[in-house]
Amino acid sequence: MLKNIKSRGESKKFSVNFPKSLLDEIDVICNANYIARTAWILQASKEKLERDRYEKMKKLQENMGH
């Protein structure tokens, strides 16, 4: 189950339009795991950022011959 993310810092609010099919899929996951949609989207965003950083670091290491 995904953990709740509680930001202790500054936050910003913005509006995003999602395709209905994507939100339906997210909602099924959220309902099955008793997690709020916002918490799920925040966690998914965090995981994507971490994965992208890791892949970028890995590419840099490969280019440096490590």
N, C-alpha and C. Protein backbone atom coordinates (compact mmCIF):
# COMPACT_ATOMS: atom_id res chain seq x y z
N MET A 1 0.84 -1.18 0.00
CA MET A 1 0.00 0.00 0.00
C MET A 1 0.89 1.24 0.00
N LEU A 2 0.45 2.28 -0.68
CA LEU A 2 1.21 3.51 -0.75
C LEU A 2 1.06 4.30 0.54
N LYS A 3 2.14 4.92 0.95
CA LYS A 3 2.11 5.73 2.16
C LYS A 3 1.57 7.12 1.85
N ASN A 4 0.92 7.73 2.83
CA ASN A 4 0.47 9.11 2.65
C ASN A 4 1.67 10.03 2.59
N ILE A 5 1.57 11.03 1.75
CA ILE A 5 2.61 12.04 1.65
C ILE A 5 2.07 13.30 2.29
N LYS A 6 2.74 13.77 3.31
CA LYS A 6 2.32 15.01 3.96
C LYS A 6 3.45 16.00 3.82
N SER A 7 3.21 17.00 3.01
CA SER A 7 4.23 18.01 2.77
C SER A 7 4.31 18.96 3.95
N ARG A 8 5.50 19.15 4.44
CA ARG A 8 5.69 20.09 5.55
C ARG A 8 6.13 21.45 5.01
N GLY A 9 6.44 21.50 3.74
CA GLY A 9 6.90 22.74 3.15
C GLY A 9 5.80 23.45 2.40
N GLU A 10 6.24 24.39 1.61
CA GLU A 10 5.33 25.18 0.80
C GLU A 10 4.68 24.30 -0.26
N SER A 11 3.45 24.60 -0.56
CA SER A 11 2.77 23.85 -1.62
C SER A 11 2.11 24.83 -2.58
N LYS A 12 1.85 24.34 -3.79
CA LYS A 12 1.17 25.12 -4.81
C LYS A 12 -0.01 24.32 -5.31
N LYS A 13 -1.03 25.03 -5.69
CA LYS A 13 -2.22 24.39 -6.22
C LYS A 13 -2.30 24.68 -7.72
N PHE A 14 -2.67 23.67 -8.50
CA PHE A 14 -2.87 23.87 -9.93
C PHE A 14 -3.90 22.87 -10.42
N SER A 15 -4.40 23.12 -11.60
CA SER A 15 -5.44 22.27 -12.17
C SER A 15 -4.87 21.47 -13.33
N VAL A 16 -5.23 20.20 -13.38
CA VAL A 16 -4.76 19.32 -14.45
C VAL A 16 -5.95 18.55 -15.00
N ASN A 17 -6.01 18.42 -16.30
CA ASN A 17 -7.05 17.61 -16.94
C ASN A 17 -6.45 16.25 -17.29
N PHE A 18 -7.07 15.18 -16.81
CA PHE A 18 -6.66 13.82 -17.10
C PHE A 18 -7.67 13.17 -18.02
N PRO A 19 -7.23 12.27 -18.88
CA PRO A 19 -8.20 11.48 -19.65
C PRO A 19 -9.04 10.65 -18.68
N LYS A 20 -10.32 10.53 -18.95
CA LYS A 20 -11.23 9.79 -18.08
C LYS A 20 -10.75 8.37 -17.85
N SER A 21 -10.26 7.72 -18.90
CA SER A 21 -9.82 6.33 -18.76
C SER A 21 -8.66 6.20 -17.77
N LEU A 22 -7.77 7.18 -17.77
CA LEU A 22 -6.64 7.16 -16.83
C LEU A 22 -7.13 7.36 -15.39
N LEU A 23 -8.02 8.32 -15.20
CA LEU A 23 -8.56 8.53 -13.85
C LEU A 23 -9.36 7.34 -13.37
N ASP A 24 -10.09 6.70 -14.27
CA ASP A 24 -10.84 5.50 -13.88
C ASP A 24 -9.89 4.42 -13.37
N GLU A 25 -8.77 4.24 -14.07
CA GLU A 25 -7.79 3.23 -13.66
C GLU A 25 -7.16 3.60 -12.31
N ILE A 26 -6.81 4.87 -12.14
CA ILE A 26 -6.24 5.33 -10.87
C ILE A 26 -7.24 5.14 -9.74
N ASP A 27 -8.50 5.46 -10.00
CA ASP A 27 -9.54 5.33 -8.97
C ASP A 27 -9.74 3.88 -8.53
N VAL A 28 -9.64 2.95 -9.46
CA VAL A 28 -9.76 1.53 -9.10
C VAL A 28 -8.65 1.15 -8.13
N ILE A 29 -7.44 1.57 -8.43
CA ILE A 29 -6.29 1.28 -7.56
C ILE A 29 -6.48 1.94 -6.20
N CYS A 30 -6.89 3.21 -6.21
CA CYS A 30 -7.07 3.94 -4.95
C CYS A 30 -8.15 3.30 -4.08
N ASN A 31 -9.25 2.94 -4.70
CA ASN A 31 -10.34 2.32 -3.93
C ASN A 31 -9.92 0.98 -3.36
N ALA A 32 -9.17 0.21 -4.12
CA ALA A 32 -8.73 -1.11 -3.66
C ALA A 32 -7.75 -0.99 -2.49
N ASN A 33 -7.01 0.11 -2.45
CA ASN A 33 -5.98 0.29 -1.42
C ASN A 33 -6.36 1.33 -0.37
N TYR A 34 -7.58 1.84 -0.43
CA TYR A 34 -8.07 2.83 0.53
C TYR A 34 -7.11 4.03 0.63
N ILE A 35 -6.78 4.58 -0.52
CA ILE A 35 -5.89 5.74 -0.57
C ILE A 35 -6.56 6.83 -1.39
N ALA A 36 -6.35 8.06 -1.01
CA ALA A 36 -6.93 9.18 -1.74
C ALA A 36 -6.23 9.34 -3.09
N ARG A 37 -6.99 9.78 -4.07
CA ARG A 37 -6.44 10.00 -5.41
C ARG A 37 -5.25 10.96 -5.37
N THR A 38 -5.38 12.04 -4.61
CA THR A 38 -4.29 13.02 -4.52
C THR A 38 -3.03 12.39 -3.97
N ALA A 39 -3.16 11.59 -2.92
CA ALA A 39 -2.00 10.92 -2.33
C ALA A 39 -1.36 9.98 -3.34
N TRP A 40 -2.18 9.26 -4.11
CA TRP A 40 -1.65 8.33 -5.10
C TRP A 40 -0.89 9.08 -6.19
N ILE A 41 -1.46 10.18 -6.67
CA ILE A 41 -0.80 10.97 -7.73
C ILE A 41 0.50 11.57 -7.22
N LEU A 42 0.51 12.05 -5.98
CA LEU A 42 1.76 12.59 -5.41
C LEU A 42 2.83 11.50 -5.30
N GLN A 43 2.43 10.32 -4.83
CA GLN A 43 3.39 9.21 -4.71
C GLN A 43 3.90 8.79 -6.08
N ALA A 44 3.02 8.70 -7.06
CA ALA A 44 3.43 8.31 -8.41
C ALA A 44 4.40 9.34 -8.99
N SER A 45 4.14 10.61 -8.74
CA SER A 45 5.03 11.67 -9.22
C SER A 45 6.41 11.56 -8.57
N LYS A 46 6.41 11.31 -7.27
CA LYS A 46 7.68 11.16 -6.54
C LYS A 46 8.47 9.97 -7.08
N GLU A 47 7.79 8.85 -7.29
CA GLU A 47 8.47 7.66 -7.83
C GLU A 47 9.04 7.92 -9.22
N LYS A 48 8.31 8.64 -10.06
CA LYS A 48 8.78 8.97 -11.41
C LYS A 48 10.02 9.85 -11.34
N LEU A 49 10.01 10.85 -10.47
CA LEU A 49 11.17 11.72 -10.31
C LEU A 49 12.39 10.93 -9.85
N GLU A 50 12.21 10.05 -8.87
CA GLU A 50 13.31 9.23 -8.36
C GLU A 50 13.86 8.32 -9.45
N ARG A 51 12.97 7.69 -10.22
CA ARG A 51 13.38 6.79 -11.30
C ARG A 51 14.15 7.56 -12.38
N ASP A 52 13.66 8.74 -12.74
CA ASP A 52 14.34 9.55 -13.75
C ASP A 52 15.72 9.99 -13.28
N ARG A 53 15.84 10.37 -11.99
CA ARG A 53 17.14 10.76 -11.45
C ARG A 53 18.11 9.58 -11.48
N TYR A 54 17.63 8.41 -11.10
CA TYR A 54 18.46 7.21 -11.09
C TYR A 54 18.95 6.89 -12.50
N GLU A 55 18.03 6.93 -13.48
CA GLU A 55 18.41 6.63 -14.86
C GLU A 55 19.41 7.64 -15.41
N LYS A 56 19.22 8.91 -15.06
CA LYS A 56 20.15 9.95 -15.51
C LYS A 56 21.53 9.73 -14.90
N MET A 57 21.57 9.39 -13.60
CA MET A 57 22.83 9.14 -12.93
C MET A 57 23.53 7.91 -13.52
N LYS A 58 22.74 6.89 -13.82
CA LYS A 58 23.29 5.67 -14.40
C LYS A 58 23.91 5.95 -15.78
N LYS A 59 23.23 6.75 -16.60
CA LYS A 59 23.76 7.12 -17.91
C LYS A 59 25.06 7.90 -17.79
N LEU A 60 25.10 8.83 -16.84
CA LEU A 60 26.31 9.61 -16.64
C LEU A 60 27.48 8.71 -16.24
N GLN A 61 27.22 7.74 -15.36
CA GLN A 61 28.27 6.82 -14.93
C GLN A 61 28.75 5.96 -16.09
N GLU A 62 27.81 5.51 -16.94
CA GLU A 62 28.19 4.70 -18.10
C GLU A 62 29.04 5.51 -19.07
N ASN A 63 28.70 6.78 -19.25
CA ASN A 63 29.46 7.64 -20.16
C ASN A 63 30.84 7.97 -19.62
N MET A 64 31.00 7.90 -18.29
CA MET A 64 32.29 8.17 -17.68
C MET A 64 33.13 6.90 -17.56
N GLY A 65 32.56 5.76 -17.96
CA GLY A 65 33.31 4.51 -17.93
C GLY A 65 33.28 3.78 -16.61
N HIS A 66 32.33 4.08 -15.76
CA HIS A 66 32.23 3.39 -14.46
C HIS A 66 31.29 2.23 -14.54
